[in-house]
Amino acid sequence: MKSLLTILLIFSVISARDDQQELVKDIEQSLMAPCCWSGTIYDHGYPEIEKQIEEFVAEGRTKQEILDYYVGLYGERILAVPVASGFNLFAWIAPIIIAGIGILILILYLRLPKRPPVKVKTSGTDIPYDDEIEKELKKLD
């Protein structure tokens, strides 16, 4: 019985450690690297913040508490995904509106009736020396 409890304890510790690593990874992917603001902490490998995030998770802080800490420190710019409120809401809605307008324009364009090409009427009598030109062209062929 003791061995079964020991095995369960080991698996629970391993499982808890995996959950913490997943949380650390999720937080690192949610924050931009403040060194250059061109990628997430997970992509850049920013060691100071990575270590600090691991310490916060080990202390038992939640993801939202950690994100709020960094937003307080660096501002909303640190978030990889902008919060959908205020002007940032426009960043979420604008692509959908633009895509809808584009699809509407495409549908309207495709539904327009196609006009048959206009045939050009020519009369051979209007061109002076038409017969002579035609004879010379036939000689060249």
C-alpha atoms as a PDB file:
ATOM      1  CA  MET A   1       0.000   0.000   0.000  1.00  0.00           C
ATOM      2  CA  LYS A   2       2.846   2.385   0.789  1.00  0.00           C
ATOM      3  CA  SER A   3       4.423   1.752  -2.600  1.00  0.00           C
ATOM      4  CA  LEU A   4       1.130   2.595  -4.328  1.00  0.00           C
ATOM      5  CA  LEU A   5       0.898   5.874  -2.390  1.00  0.00           C
ATOM      6  CA  THR A   6       4.531   6.638  -3.205  1.00  0.00           C
ATOM      7  CA  ILE A   7       3.907   6.051  -6.917  1.00  0.00           C
ATOM      8  CA  LEU A   8       0.781   8.253  -6.847  1.00  0.00           C
ATOM      9  CA  LEU A   9       2.715  10.973  -5.044  1.00  0.00           C
ATOM     10  CA  ILE A  10       5.502  10.855  -7.633  1.00  0.00           C
ATOM     11  CA  PHE A  11       3.027  11.046 -10.515  1.00  0.00           C
ATOM     12  CA  SER A  12       1.175  13.954  -8.902  1.00  0.00           C
ATOM     13  CA  VAL A  13       4.446  15.866  -8.416  1.00  0.00           C
ATOM     14  CA  ILE A  14       5.439  15.221 -12.039  1.00  0.00           C
ATOM     15  CA  SER A  15       1.984  16.236 -13.234  1.00  0.00           C
ATOM     16  CA  ALA A  16       2.067  19.440 -11.168  1.00  0.00           C
ATOM     17  CA  ARG A  17       5.500  20.288 -12.576  1.00  0.00           C
ATOM     18  CA  ASP A  18       4.201  19.753 -16.148  1.00  0.00           C
ATOM     19  CA  ASP A  19       1.220  22.006 -15.407  1.00  0.00           C
ATOM     20  CA  GLN A  20       3.576  24.702 -14.108  1.00  0.00           C
ATOM     21  CA  GLN A  21       5.754  24.415 -17.214  1.00  0.00           C
ATOM     22  CA  GLU A  22       2.674  24.739 -19.441  1.00  0.00           C
ATOM     23  CA  LEU A  23       1.593  27.838 -17.501  1.00  0.00           C
ATOM     24  CA  VAL A  24       5.082  29.361 -17.815  1.00  0.00           C
ATOM     25  CA  LYS A  25       5.096  28.652 -21.558  1.00  0.00           C
ATOM     26  CA  ASP A  26       1.601  30.159 -21.956  1.00  0.00           C
ATOM     27  CA  ILE A  27       2.599  33.324 -20.093  1.00  0.00           C
ATOM     28  CA  GLU A  28       5.833  33.659 -22.087  1.00  0.00           C
ATOM     29  CA  GLN A  29       3.822  33.408 -25.311  1.00  0.00           C
ATOM     30  CA  SER A  30       1.403  36.070 -24.036  1.00  0.00           C
ATOM     31  CA  LEU A  31       4.080  38.710 -23.357  1.00  0.00           C
ATOM     32  CA  MET A  32       6.188  40.678 -25.844  1.00  0.00           C
ATOM     33  CA  ALA A  33       9.936  40.913 -25.260  1.00  0.00           C
ATOM     34  CA  PRO A  34      10.625  44.464 -24.007  1.00  0.00           C
ATOM     35  CA  CYS A  35      14.115  44.470 -25.523  1.00  0.00           C
ATOM     36  CA  CYS A  36      12.899  45.089 -29.067  1.00  0.00           C
ATOM     37  CA  TRP A  37       9.089  44.549 -29.055  1.00  0.00           C
ATOM     38  CA  SER A  38       9.322  42.352 -32.158  1.00  0.00           C
ATOM     39  CA  GLY A  39       8.466  38.963 -30.678  1.00  0.00           C
ATOM     40  CA  THR A  40       7.263  37.172 -27.599  1.00  0.00           C
ATOM     41  CA  ILE A  41       9.446  36.309 -24.628  1.00  0.00           C
ATOM     42  CA  TYR A  42       9.055  32.652 -25.581  1.00  0.00           C
ATOM     43  CA  ASP A  43      10.457  33.334 -29.068  1.00  0.00           C
ATOM     44  CA  HIS A  44      13.279  35.640 -27.969  1.00  0.00           C
ATOM     45  CA  GLY A  45      14.465  33.808 -24.897  1.00  0.00           C
ATOM     46  CA  TYR A  46      14.587  36.828 -22.558  1.00  0.00           C
ATOM     47  CA  PRO A  47      16.257  35.151 -19.524  1.00  0.00           C
ATOM     48  CA  GLU A  48      15.524  37.754 -16.837  1.00  0.00           C
ATOM     49  CA  ILE A  49      11.789  37.781 -17.411  1.00  0.00           C
ATOM     50  CA  GLU A  50      11.659  34.006 -17.998  1.00  0.00           C
ATOM     51  CA  LYS A  51      13.252  33.450 -14.590  1.00  0.00           C
ATOM     52  CA  GLN A  52      10.911  35.959 -12.962  1.00  0.00           C
ATOM     53  CA  ILE A  53       7.854  34.268 -14.515  1.00  0.00           C
ATOM     54  CA  GLU A  54       9.019  30.869 -13.237  1.00  0.00           C
ATOM     55  CA  GLU A  55       9.381  32.365  -9.750  1.00  0.00           C
ATOM     56  CA  PHE A  56       5.885  33.891  -9.895  1.00  0.00           C
ATOM     57  CA  VAL A  57       4.374  30.548 -10.983  1.00  0.00           C
ATOM     58  CA  ALA A  58       6.274  28.747  -8.218  1.00  0.00           C
ATOM     59  CA  GLU A  59       4.807  31.235  -5.726  1.00  0.00           C
ATOM     60  CA  GLY A  60       1.347  30.237  -6.932  1.00  0.00           C
ATOM     61  CA  ARG A  61       0.338  33.395  -8.782  1.00  0.00           C
ATOM     62  CA  THR A  62      -2.260  33.065 -11.532  1.00  0.00           C
ATOM     63  CA  LYS A  63      -1.699  33.920 -15.182  1.00  0.00           C
ATOM     64  CA  GLN A  64      -3.841  37.051 -14.901  1.00  0.00           C
ATOM     65  CA  GLU A  65      -1.937  38.291 -11.847  1.00  0.00           C
ATOM     66  CA  ILE A  66       1.376  37.858 -13.670  1.00  0.00           C
ATOM     67  CA  LEU A  67       0.084  39.571 -16.821  1.00  0.00           C
ATOM     68  CA  ASP A  68      -1.312  42.432 -14.717  1.00  0.00           C
ATOM     69  CA  TYR A  69       2.094  42.826 -13.049  1.00  0.00           C
ATOM     70  CA  TYR A  70       3.844  43.228 -16.407  1.00  0.00           C
ATOM     71  CA  VAL A  71       1.121  45.522 -17.773  1.00  0.00           C
ATOM     72  CA  GLY A  72       1.663  47.715 -14.704  1.00  0.00           C
ATOM     73  CA  LEU A  73       5.410  47.651 -15.315  1.00  0.00           C
ATOM     74  CA  TYR A  74       5.549  48.144 -19.117  1.00  0.00           C
ATOM     75  CA  GLY A  75       2.038  49.204 -20.105  1.00  0.00           C
ATOM     76  CA  GLU A  76      -0.407  47.430 -22.367  1.00  0.00           C
ATOM     77  CA  ARG A  77       2.232  47.237 -25.088  1.00  0.00           C
ATOM     78  CA  ILE A  78       3.756  44.192 -23.329  1.00  0.00           C
ATOM     79  CA  LEU A  79       0.725  42.044 -24.200  1.00  0.00           C
ATOM     80  CA  ALA A  80       1.117  39.939 -27.351  1.00  0.00           C
ATOM     81  CA  VAL A  81      -2.651  39.989 -27.891  1.00  0.00           C
ATOM     82  CA  PRO A  82      -4.275  43.389 -27.333  1.00  0.00           C
ATOM     83  CA  VAL A  83      -7.168  43.645 -24.911  1.00  0.00           C
ATOM     84  CA  ALA A  84     -10.445  43.957 -26.832  1.00  0.00           C
ATOM     85  CA  SER A  85     -11.629  47.266 -25.394  1.00  0.00           C
ATOM     86  CA  GLY A  86     -11.513  50.913 -26.408  1.00  0.00           C
ATOM     87  CA  PHE A  87      -9.417  51.645 -29.464  1.00  0.00           C
ATOM     88  CA  ASN A  88      -7.995  48.099 -29.418  1.00  0.00           C
ATOM     89  CA  LEU A  89     -11.497  46.849 -30.169  1.00  0.00           C
ATOM     90  CA  PHE A  90     -11.134  48.519 -33.563  1.00  0.00           C
ATOM     91  CA  ALA A  91      -8.050  46.369 -34.218  1.00  0.00           C
ATOM     92  CA  TRP A  92     -10.220  43.279 -33.758  1.00  0.00           C
ATOM     93  CA  ILE A  93     -13.255  44.492 -35.707  1.00  0.00           C
ATOM     94  CA  ALA A  94     -11.646  46.381 -38.630  1.00  0.00           C
ATOM     95  CA  PRO A  95     -10.311  43.297 -40.475  1.00  0.00           C
ATOM     96  CA  ILE A  96     -13.737  41.658 -40.299  1.00  0.00           C
ATOM     97  CA  ILE A  97     -15.463  44.777 -41.635  1.00  0.00           C
ATOM     98  CA  ILE A  98     -12.899  45.205 -44.428  1.00  0.00           C
ATOM     99  CA  ALA A  99     -13.207  41.541 -45.428  1.00  0.00           C
ATOM    100  CA  GLY A 100     -17.006  41.860 -45.473  1.00  0.00           C
ATOM    101  CA  ILE A 101     -16.870  44.943 -47.688  1.00  0.00           C
ATOM    102  CA  GLY A 102     -14.420  43.195 -50.034  1.00  0.00           C
ATOM    103  CA  ILE A 103     -16.650  40.137 -50.343  1.00  0.00           C
ATOM    104  CA  LEU A 104     -19.693  42.365 -50.960  1.00  0.00           C
ATOM    105  CA  ILE A 105     -17.875  44.250 -53.743  1.00  0.00           C
ATOM    106  CA  LEU A 106     -16.770  40.963 -55.301  1.00  0.00           C
ATOM    107  CA  ILE A 107     -20.313  39.551 -55.233  1.00  0.00           C
ATOM    108  CA  LEU A 108     -21.752  42.724 -56.749  1.00  0.00           C
ATOM    109  CA  TYR A 109     -19.104  42.731 -59.472  1.00  0.00           C
ATOM    110  CA  LEU A 110     -19.749  39.097 -60.361  1.00  0.00           C
ATOM    111  CA  ARG A 111     -23.514  39.695 -60.528  1.00  0.00           C
ATOM    112  CA  LEU A 112     -23.238  42.571 -63.001  1.00  0.00           C
ATOM    113  CA  PRO A 113     -24.530  41.614 -66.459  1.00  0.00           C
ATOM    114  CA  LYS A 114     -21.751  41.147 -68.930  1.00  0.00           C
ATOM    115  CA  ARG A 115     -22.070  43.258 -72.034  1.00  0.00           C
ATOM    116  CA  PRO A 116     -21.338  41.563 -75.330  1.00  0.00           C
ATOM    117  CA  PRO A 117     -18.330  43.039 -77.124  1.00  0.00           C
ATOM    118  CA  VAL A 118     -19.222  45.800 -79.560  1.00  0.00           C
ATOM    119  CA  LYS A 119     -18.568  44.776 -83.137  1.00  0.00           C
ATOM    120  CA  VAL A 120     -16.790  47.328 -85.261  1.00  0.00           C
ATOM    121  CA  LYS A 121     -18.388  47.853 -88.625  1.00  0.00           C
ATOM    122  CA  THR A 122     -16.048  48.705 -91.410  1.00  0.00           C
ATOM    123  CA  SER A 123     -16.784  49.596 -94.960  1.00  0.00           C
ATOM    124  CA  GLY A 124     -14.093  49.180 -97.583  1.00  0.00           C
ATOM    125  CA  THR A 125     -15.186  52.176 -99.609  1.00  0.00           C
ATOM    126  CA  ASP A 126     -14.158  54.809 -97.050  1.00  0.00           C
ATOM    127  CA  ILE A 127     -10.426  54.103 -97.354  1.00  0.00           C
ATOM    128  CA  PRO A 128      -8.731  55.569-100.401  1.00  0.00           C
ATOM    129  CA  TYR A 129      -6.597  53.143-102.421  1.00  0.00           C
ATOM    130  CA  ASP A 130      -7.952  50.173-100.431  1.00  0.00           C
ATOM    131  CA  ASP A 131      -7.865  47.823-103.415  1.00  0.00           C
ATOM    132  CA  GLU A 132      -4.255  48.656-104.219  1.00  0.00           C
ATOM    133  CA  ILE A 133      -3.203  48.160-100.574  1.00  0.00           C
ATOM    134  CA  GLU A 134      -4.900  44.759-100.466  1.00  0.00           C
ATOM    135  CA  LYS A 135      -3.146  43.660-103.700  1.00  0.00           C
ATOM    136  CA  GLU A 136       0.261  44.690-102.349  1.00  0.00           C
ATOM    137  CA  LEU A 137      -0.358  42.843 -99.086  1.00  0.00           C
ATOM    138  CA  LYS A 138      -1.276  39.677-100.981  1.00  0.00           C
ATOM    139  CA  LYS A 139       1.952  39.931-102.977  1.00  0.00           C
ATOM    140  CA  LEU A 140       3.943  40.101 -99.714  1.00  0.00           C
ATOM    141  CA  ASP A 141       2.325  36.898 -98.412  1.00  0.00           C
END
